[in-house]
Amino acid sequence: MTDLLYSETEDDLRAAVRSLLADRAGAQTLLARIEGESPYVPGLWKSLAGEIGAAGLLVPEKLGGQGASHREAAVVLEELGRAVTPAPYLTSAVVATETLLALDTESGPVAGLLADLAAGRSVAVLALPLSTGPTAAPASRGTGHDGAPTVSGVADAVVADVFLVPRADGLHAVPAAEATVEPRTPLDLTRPLAAVTTDAAGTRIADADTSAEAVRRGLLAGAGLLASEQLGLAEWCLEETVRHTRERYQFNRPVGSFQALKHRMAQLWLEIVNARAAARAAADALATGSPEAPLTVAVAQAYCSRVAVHAAEECVQLHGGIGMTWEHPAHLALKRAKSDQIAFGSAGFHQDALAELVGLPAPA
């Protein structure tokens, strides 16, 4: 039987990441930055990716990484979800890295890219909309001012050093300096989106068939580990709500002692317990290369995205008036949860995928 409990190594990693985020990217720091030029905290990525080594968890040691697995990366994403941290971890250290790992890692360009990503020296982003699901064909592209292909809704493009661009002849690595990045205003200000125009040829690092499978593998890992981010966000929402309702008094009693609120928080706790099992199962299936990974990921995303939104909604509502203000971080959690709800495929997308995988397709 698969052991989904956290190991001692994972607990130590969690403690290190949580301590870093508390010191460098607390709620007040984030609230002060989200409406500025950039929500990314200066120096945070260098500390997280390079000093802690989180960016190289999926990269084998011979390529300069930590040689860990998706389980450890999932723990990092839980903490990033708890703090709603603006960081290109999911897009670069998971999706782009997993895409590159599906290629010929003995080739110079791929090995060099992986070494730079693992050390935190570079950020790579797959030039596809954040909403693209693992089994979806690349979205149709618009046209930039000079006739070059443009992709809208690319997450973390504004901090990318390299774009991995799927094209008809294969996958190309295009330096960000040779692309045009036009920021867009997203619902979730902590995960900036942009339209990316890549007219430069770049370096072709895979043929068409290899590219398609590599992109699918990268998006599958992104969808599976996104569930861990959603889990961390939901856990913070419940903990913050319980804390507030213990301290907030009405009629000379803590509001958390009212039966109606107890029931709502108890229901949310049960949902989060189930979400933890689904997210951990998805991370473990990816870590072990299980043939059931697509099914487990579909289950995790179909369930965890709804739980994260529900937890954030309850957090806002049960905080009362303060929960509706810009000064409280509850709105950041709600916006991240709503944004994550369509990232790497909506819940409906994954439900359809799940139905196909178990041989129960929806009626035509």
Protein backbone atom coordinates (compact mmCIF):
# COMPACT_ATOMS: atom_id res chain seq x y z
CA MET A 1 0.00 0.00 0.00
CA THR A 2 1.23 3.49 -0.86
CA ASP A 3 2.38 5.53 2.14
CA LEU A 4 0.99 9.05 1.71
CA LEU A 5 2.22 10.31 5.08
CA TYR A 6 4.87 13.03 5.13
CA SER A 7 8.42 11.83 5.68
CA GLU A 8 10.89 13.46 8.06
CA THR A 9 12.72 14.94 5.07
CA GLU A 10 9.51 16.46 3.77
CA ASP A 11 8.72 17.92 7.19
CA ASP A 12 12.19 19.49 7.37
CA LEU A 13 11.76 20.95 3.89
CA ARG A 14 8.36 22.34 4.86
CA ALA A 15 9.83 24.01 7.95
CA ALA A 16 12.61 25.64 5.92
CA VAL A 17 10.26 26.99 3.24
CA ARG A 18 7.68 28.20 5.77
CA SER A 19 10.35 30.02 7.77
CA LEU A 20 11.70 31.71 4.64
CA LEU A 21 8.26 32.85 3.49
CA ALA A 22 7.34 34.12 6.95
CA ASP A 23 10.52 36.20 7.08
CA ARG A 24 10.56 37.50 3.50
CA ALA A 25 7.06 37.27 2.06
CA GLY A 26 4.52 37.72 4.84
CA ALA A 27 0.96 38.88 4.23
CA GLN A 28 1.71 42.56 4.85
CA THR A 29 4.71 42.50 2.51
CA LEU A 30 2.57 40.94 -0.19
CA LEU A 31 -0.33 43.35 0.31
CA ALA A 32 2.08 46.26 -0.06
CA ARG A 33 3.42 44.95 -3.41
CA ILE A 34 0.49 43.54 -5.35
CA GLU A 35 -0.59 46.84 -6.86
CA GLY A 36 2.94 47.98 -7.61
CA GLU A 37 5.03 47.29 -10.67
CA SER A 38 5.77 43.72 -9.59
CA PRO A 39 4.38 41.44 -6.86
CA TYR A 40 7.57 39.37 -6.78
CA VAL A 41 9.60 39.97 -3.61
CA PRO A 42 13.21 40.89 -4.54
CA GLY A 43 15.68 38.17 -3.66
CA LEU A 44 13.02 35.64 -2.63
CA TRP A 45 13.43 33.43 -5.69
CA LYS A 46 17.20 33.33 -5.24
CA SER A 47 16.77 32.16 -1.64
CA LEU A 48 14.02 29.65 -2.39
CA ALA A 49 15.46 28.22 -5.58
CA GLY A 50 19.19 28.47 -4.98
CA GLU A 51 19.86 28.53 -1.25
CA ILE A 52 17.15 26.06 -0.18
CA GLY A 53 17.51 24.17 -3.45
CA ALA A 54 13.79 23.93 -4.13
CA ALA A 55 14.09 24.65 -7.87
CA GLY A 56 16.16 21.53 -8.46
CA LEU A 57 14.05 19.00 -6.57
CA LEU A 58 12.90 17.25 -9.75
CA VAL A 59 16.29 17.42 -11.47
CA PRO A 60 18.66 14.42 -11.09
CA GLU A 61 21.90 15.02 -9.20
CA LYS A 62 24.02 14.30 -12.29
CA LEU A 63 22.35 17.30 -13.95
CA GLY A 64 22.95 19.60 -10.99
CA GLY A 65 19.68 19.06 -9.14
CA GLN A 66 18.64 17.57 -5.82
CA GLY A 67 17.46 14.23 -7.18
CA ALA A 68 14.27 14.33 -5.11
CA SER A 69 10.73 13.73 -6.37
CA HIS A 70 7.31 15.23 -6.90
CA ARG A 71 6.44 14.51 -3.27
CA GLU A 72 9.04 17.00 -2.07
CA ALA A 73 8.03 19.53 -4.73
CA ALA A 74 4.43 19.14 -3.57
CA VAL A 75 5.45 20.14 -0.03
CA VAL A 76 7.04 23.33 -1.38
CA LEU A 77 3.86 24.12 -3.30
CA GLU A 78 1.73 23.56 -0.20
CA GLU A 79 3.72 26.27 1.56
CA LEU A 80 3.63 28.60 -1.43
CA GLY A 81 -0.13 28.09 -1.55
CA ARG A 82 -0.51 28.84 2.16
CA ALA A 83 1.29 32.15 1.75
CA VAL A 84 -0.16 32.88 -1.75
CA THR A 85 3.44 33.63 -2.72
CA PRO A 86 4.24 35.23 -6.08
CA ALA A 87 6.97 32.92 -7.36
CA PRO A 88 7.50 31.08 -10.67
CA TYR A 89 7.87 27.74 -8.92
CA LEU A 90 4.96 25.89 -10.49
CA THR A 91 5.61 27.23 -13.98
CA SER A 92 9.41 26.91 -14.00
CA ALA A 93 10.56 24.38 -11.38
CA VAL A 94 7.70 21.99 -12.17
CA VAL A 95 6.13 22.43 -15.62
CA ALA A 96 9.14 23.66 -17.61
CA THR A 97 11.55 21.37 -15.75
CA GLU A 98 9.35 18.30 -16.23
CA THR A 99 8.99 19.14 -19.92
CA LEU A 100 12.78 19.31 -20.33
CA LEU A 101 13.26 16.07 -18.40
CA ALA A 102 11.14 14.28 -21.00
CA LEU A 103 13.67 15.24 -23.69
CA ASP A 104 17.19 13.98 -24.38
CA THR A 105 18.93 15.21 -21.23
CA GLU A 106 22.31 14.20 -22.65
CA SER A 107 22.13 16.94 -25.28
CA GLY A 108 24.01 20.13 -24.51
CA PRO A 109 21.16 22.66 -24.73
CA VAL A 110 18.74 20.63 -22.58
CA ALA A 111 21.35 19.71 -19.96
CA GLY A 112 22.48 23.32 -19.77
CA LEU A 113 18.91 24.58 -19.33
CA LEU A 114 18.22 22.05 -16.59
CA ALA A 115 21.41 22.93 -14.74
CA ASP A 116 20.51 26.64 -14.81
CA LEU A 117 16.95 25.95 -13.65
CA ALA A 118 18.10 23.66 -10.84
CA ALA A 119 20.54 26.26 -9.53
CA GLY A 120 17.96 29.04 -9.67
CA ARG A 121 20.07 30.97 -12.19
CA SER A 122 17.31 30.93 -14.77
CA VAL A 123 13.51 30.82 -15.02
CA ALA A 124 11.88 28.96 -17.91
CA VAL A 125 8.22 29.15 -18.85
CA LEU A 126 6.24 27.00 -21.26
CA ALA A 127 4.69 29.40 -23.77
CA LEU A 128 1.12 28.15 -23.44
CA PRO A 129 -1.92 29.67 -21.70
CA LEU A 130 -2.15 28.83 -18.00
CA SER A 131 -5.55 27.26 -18.68
CA THR A 132 -4.12 24.55 -21.00
CA GLY A 133 -4.91 21.06 -19.69
CA PRO A 134 -2.61 18.02 -19.99
CA THR A 135 -4.53 16.40 -22.84
CA ALA A 136 -5.55 19.61 -24.60
CA ALA A 137 -4.01 20.58 -27.91
CA PRO A 138 -2.04 23.85 -27.79
CA ALA A 139 -4.49 26.74 -27.94
CA SER A 140 -4.90 28.64 -31.17
CA ARG A 141 -2.62 31.63 -31.31
CA GLY A 142 -3.31 35.19 -32.21
CA THR A 143 -0.99 37.34 -34.27
CA GLY A 144 1.37 39.98 -32.96
CA HIS A 145 2.07 43.35 -34.51
CA ASP A 146 4.72 41.93 -36.84
CA GLY A 147 2.79 38.79 -37.80
CA ALA A 148 4.61 36.58 -35.27
CA PRO A 149 2.59 34.05 -33.25
CA THR A 150 1.26 35.35 -29.93
CA VAL A 151 0.14 33.33 -26.92
CA SER A 152 -2.07 35.02 -24.31
CA GLY A 153 -2.43 34.10 -20.66
CA VAL A 154 1.13 32.88 -20.09
CA ALA A 155 1.81 32.81 -16.33
CA ASP A 156 5.06 34.25 -14.91
CA ALA A 157 6.19 35.33 -18.37
CA VAL A 158 7.32 38.70 -17.00
CA VAL A 159 10.14 37.05 -15.01
CA ALA A 160 11.06 34.36 -17.54
CA ASP A 161 14.59 34.13 -18.93
CA VAL A 162 13.71 31.42 -21.46
CA PHE A 163 10.46 30.45 -23.19
CA LEU A 164 9.82 26.84 -24.25
CA VAL A 165 7.77 27.31 -27.41
CA PRO A 166 5.86 24.38 -28.98
CA ARG A 167 5.82 24.72 -32.77
CA ALA A 168 4.85 22.54 -35.70
CA ASP A 169 8.42 21.29 -36.12
CA GLY A 170 9.06 20.68 -32.41
CA LEU A 171 9.98 22.46 -29.19
CA HIS A 172 12.13 25.58 -29.29
CA ALA A 173 13.97 27.38 -26.48
CA VAL A 174 13.69 31.12 -27.10
CA PRO A 175 15.52 33.63 -24.88
CA ALA A 176 13.14 36.10 -23.27
CA ALA A 177 15.26 38.95 -24.64
CA GLU A 178 14.22 37.87 -28.15
CA ALA A 179 10.49 37.73 -27.33
CA THR A 180 7.88 40.42 -26.75
CA VAL A 181 6.08 40.21 -23.42
CA GLU A 182 2.98 42.36 -22.89
CA PRO A 183 1.65 42.17 -19.29
CA ARG A 184 -2.07 41.69 -18.76
CA THR A 185 -4.16 42.45 -15.66
CA PRO A 186 -5.24 39.13 -14.12
CA LEU A 187 -7.80 38.42 -11.40
CA ASP A 188 -5.01 36.97 -9.27
CA LEU A 189 -2.42 39.73 -8.95
CA THR A 190 0.03 37.32 -7.30
CA ARG A 191 0.40 35.28 -10.51
CA PRO A 192 0.94 37.76 -13.35
CA LEU A 193 -0.18 36.84 -16.86
CA ALA A 194 1.12 38.17 -20.16
CA ALA A 195 0.80 37.85 -23.92
CA VAL A 196 4.03 36.46 -25.38
CA THR A 197 5.11 36.94 -28.98
CA THR A 198 8.04 34.75 -30.07
CA ASP A 199 9.18 35.51 -33.60
CA ALA A 200 12.80 34.45 -33.03
CA ALA A 201 13.80 30.94 -34.11
CA GLY A 202 15.57 30.11 -30.86
CA THR A 203 17.14 26.69 -30.39
CA ARG A 204 15.22 23.60 -31.49
CA ILE A 205 15.56 21.09 -28.65
CA ALA A 206 13.06 18.39 -29.70
CA ASP A 207 11.20 17.15 -32.75
CA ALA A 208 7.43 17.37 -33.11
CA ASP A 209 6.53 13.95 -31.68
CA THR A 210 8.91 14.20 -28.73
CA SER A 211 7.75 17.76 -28.09
CA ALA A 212 4.08 16.77 -27.89
CA GLU A 213 4.75 14.06 -25.31
CA ALA A 214 7.11 16.28 -23.32
CA VAL A 215 4.56 19.11 -23.15
CA ARG A 216 1.87 16.66 -22.07
CA ARG A 217 4.14 15.35 -19.32
CA GLY A 218 4.94 18.87 -18.14
CA LEU A 219 1.30 19.91 -18.03
CA LEU A 220 0.33 16.69 -16.23
CA ALA A 221 2.91 17.40 -13.52
CA GLY A 222 1.66 20.97 -13.29
CA ALA A 223 -1.94 19.88 -12.86
CA GLY A 224 -1.03 17.21 -10.31
CA LEU A 225 1.11 19.46 -8.12
CA LEU A 226 -1.29 22.39 -8.45
CA ALA A 227 -3.54 20.29 -6.20
CA SER A 228 -0.92 20.63 -3.46
CA GLU A 229 -0.91 24.40 -3.84
CA GLN A 230 -4.70 24.36 -3.56
CA LEU A 231 -4.43 22.14 -0.48
CA GLY A 232 -2.02 24.54 1.24
CA LEU A 233 -4.27 27.49 0.45
CA ALA A 234 -7.34 25.71 1.83
CA GLU A 235 -5.49 24.73 5.02
CA TRP A 236 -4.45 28.34 5.66
CA CYS A 237 -8.01 29.55 5.09
CA LEU A 238 -9.40 27.08 7.63
CA GLU A 239 -6.69 27.78 10.23
CA GLU A 240 -7.10 31.54 9.87
CA THR A 241 -10.89 31.24 10.13
CA VAL A 242 -10.71 29.09 13.27
CA ARG A 243 -8.27 31.54 14.85
CA HIS A 244 -10.47 34.52 14.05
CA THR A 245 -13.69 32.94 15.29
CA ARG A 246 -12.00 32.03 18.59
CA GLU A 247 -10.90 35.63 19.14
CA ARG A 248 -13.98 37.46 17.80
CA TYR A 249 -16.70 37.89 20.46
CA GLN A 250 -20.41 38.61 20.07
CA PHE A 251 -23.00 38.45 22.85
CA ASN A 252 -20.10 37.84 25.23
CA ARG A 253 -19.18 34.60 23.47
CA PRO A 254 -16.61 33.64 20.80
CA VAL A 255 -18.45 33.51 17.48
CA GLY A 256 -16.74 30.19 16.85
CA SER A 257 -18.85 28.67 19.62
CA PHE A 258 -22.06 29.20 17.65
CA GLN A 259 -23.30 25.89 16.34
CA ALA A 260 -23.98 27.06 12.80
CA LEU A 261 -20.38 28.25 12.38
CA LYS A 262 -19.01 25.09 14.02
CA HIS A 263 -20.83 22.99 11.44
CA ARG A 264 -19.49 25.04 8.53
CA MET A 265 -15.90 24.77 9.74
CA ALA A 266 -16.28 21.05 10.51
CA GLN A 267 -17.56 20.44 6.99
CA LEU A 268 -14.64 22.37 5.56
CA TRP A 269 -12.20 20.33 7.67
CA LEU A 270 -13.61 17.10 6.23
CA GLU A 271 -13.24 18.43 2.68
CA ILE A 272 -9.63 19.41 3.34
CA VAL A 273 -8.81 15.96 4.75
CA ASN A 274 -10.11 14.45 1.51
CA ALA A 275 -8.24 17.04 -0.54
CA ARG A 276 -5.00 16.15 1.26
CA ALA A 277 -5.44 12.48 0.37
CA ALA A 278 -6.15 13.33 -3.29
CA ALA A 279 -3.23 15.77 -3.59
CA ARG A 280 -0.77 13.41 -1.91
CA ALA A 281 -1.91 10.53 -4.10
CA ALA A 282 -1.34 12.62 -7.22
CA ALA A 283 2.14 13.68 -6.07
CA ASP A 284 3.06 10.09 -5.22
CA ALA A 285 1.79 8.77 -8.56
CA LEU A 286 3.91 11.33 -10.40
CA ALA A 287 6.92 10.57 -8.20
CA THR A 288 6.75 6.83 -8.84
CA GLY A 289 5.87 7.10 -12.53
CA SER A 290 2.67 5.18 -11.93
CA PRO A 291 0.65 4.30 -15.04
CA GLU A 292 -2.37 5.57 -13.12
CA ALA A 293 -0.88 9.05 -12.76
CA PRO A 294 -3.25 10.64 -15.34
CA LEU A 295 -6.26 9.19 -13.49
CA THR A 296 -4.97 10.23 -10.05
CA VAL A 297 -4.17 13.74 -11.28
CA ALA A 298 -7.63 14.09 -12.81
CA VAL A 299 -9.24 13.07 -9.51
CA ALA A 300 -7.07 15.49 -7.53
CA GLN A 301 -7.78 18.46 -9.77
CA ALA A 302 -11.49 17.76 -10.10
CA TYR A 303 -11.78 17.75 -6.30
CA CYS A 304 -9.10 20.08 -4.90
CA SER A 305 -9.98 23.07 -7.06
CA ARG A 306 -13.51 23.13 -5.63
CA VAL A 307 -12.29 22.70 -2.05
CA ALA A 308 -9.83 25.60 -2.36
CA VAL A 309 -12.53 27.95 -3.61
CA HIS A 310 -14.96 26.84 -0.91
CA ALA A 311 -12.34 27.33 1.82
CA ALA A 312 -11.48 30.81 0.56
CA GLU A 313 -15.14 31.80 0.34
CA GLU A 314 -15.75 30.63 3.91
CA CYS A 315 -12.65 32.47 5.07
CA VAL A 316 -13.96 35.74 3.64
CA GLN A 317 -17.50 35.26 4.92
CA LEU A 318 -16.69 34.05 8.43
CA HIS A 319 -14.28 36.92 8.97
CA GLY A 320 -17.24 39.26 8.65
CA GLY A 321 -16.49 42.86 7.74
CA ILE A 322 -12.71 42.61 8.01
CA GLY A 323 -12.72 39.75 5.50
CA MET A 324 -14.14 42.08 2.85
CA THR A 325 -11.39 44.67 3.20
CA TRP A 326 -8.27 45.11 1.07
CA GLU A 327 -6.11 45.13 4.22
CA HIS A 328 -6.88 41.51 5.10
CA PRO A 329 -5.18 38.80 2.96
CA ALA A 330 -8.37 36.71 2.61
CA HIS A 331 -9.12 38.26 -0.78
CA LEU A 332 -5.70 37.16 -2.05
CA ALA A 333 -6.54 33.56 -1.17
CA LEU A 334 -9.93 33.79 -2.87
CA LYS A 335 -8.48 35.24 -6.07
CA ARG A 336 -5.69 32.66 -6.18
CA ALA A 337 -8.24 29.87 -5.61
CA LYS A 338 -10.47 31.15 -8.42
CA SER A 339 -7.48 31.52 -10.74
CA ASP A 340 -6.24 28.02 -9.89
CA GLN A 341 -9.71 26.67 -10.62
CA ILE A 342 -9.05 27.01 -14.36
CA ALA A 343 -5.27 26.51 -14.36
CA PHE A 344 -4.06 23.43 -16.28
CA GLY A 345 -7.68 22.55 -17.05
CA SER A 346 -10.91 23.29 -15.24
CA ALA A 347 -12.65 20.84 -12.93
CA GLY A 348 -15.01 19.97 -15.78
CA PHE A 349 -12.04 19.30 -18.07
CA HIS A 350 -10.57 16.86 -15.56
CA GLN A 351 -13.94 15.23 -14.91
CA ASP A 352 -14.25 14.56 -18.64
CA ALA A 353 -10.69 13.20 -18.70
CA LEU A 354 -11.48 10.98 -15.73
CA ALA A 355 -14.59 9.64 -17.44
CA GLU A 356 -12.56 8.74 -20.54
CA LEU A 357 -9.85 7.06 -18.48
CA VAL A 358 -12.31 4.79 -16.67
CA GLY A 359 -14.31 4.04 -19.81
CA LEU A 360 -17.37 6.11 -18.97
CA PRO A 361 -17.35 8.92 -21.53
CA ALA A 362 -20.11 11.49 -21.42
CA PRO A 363 -22.98 10.93 -23.87
CA ALA A 364 -22.54 12.64 -27.21
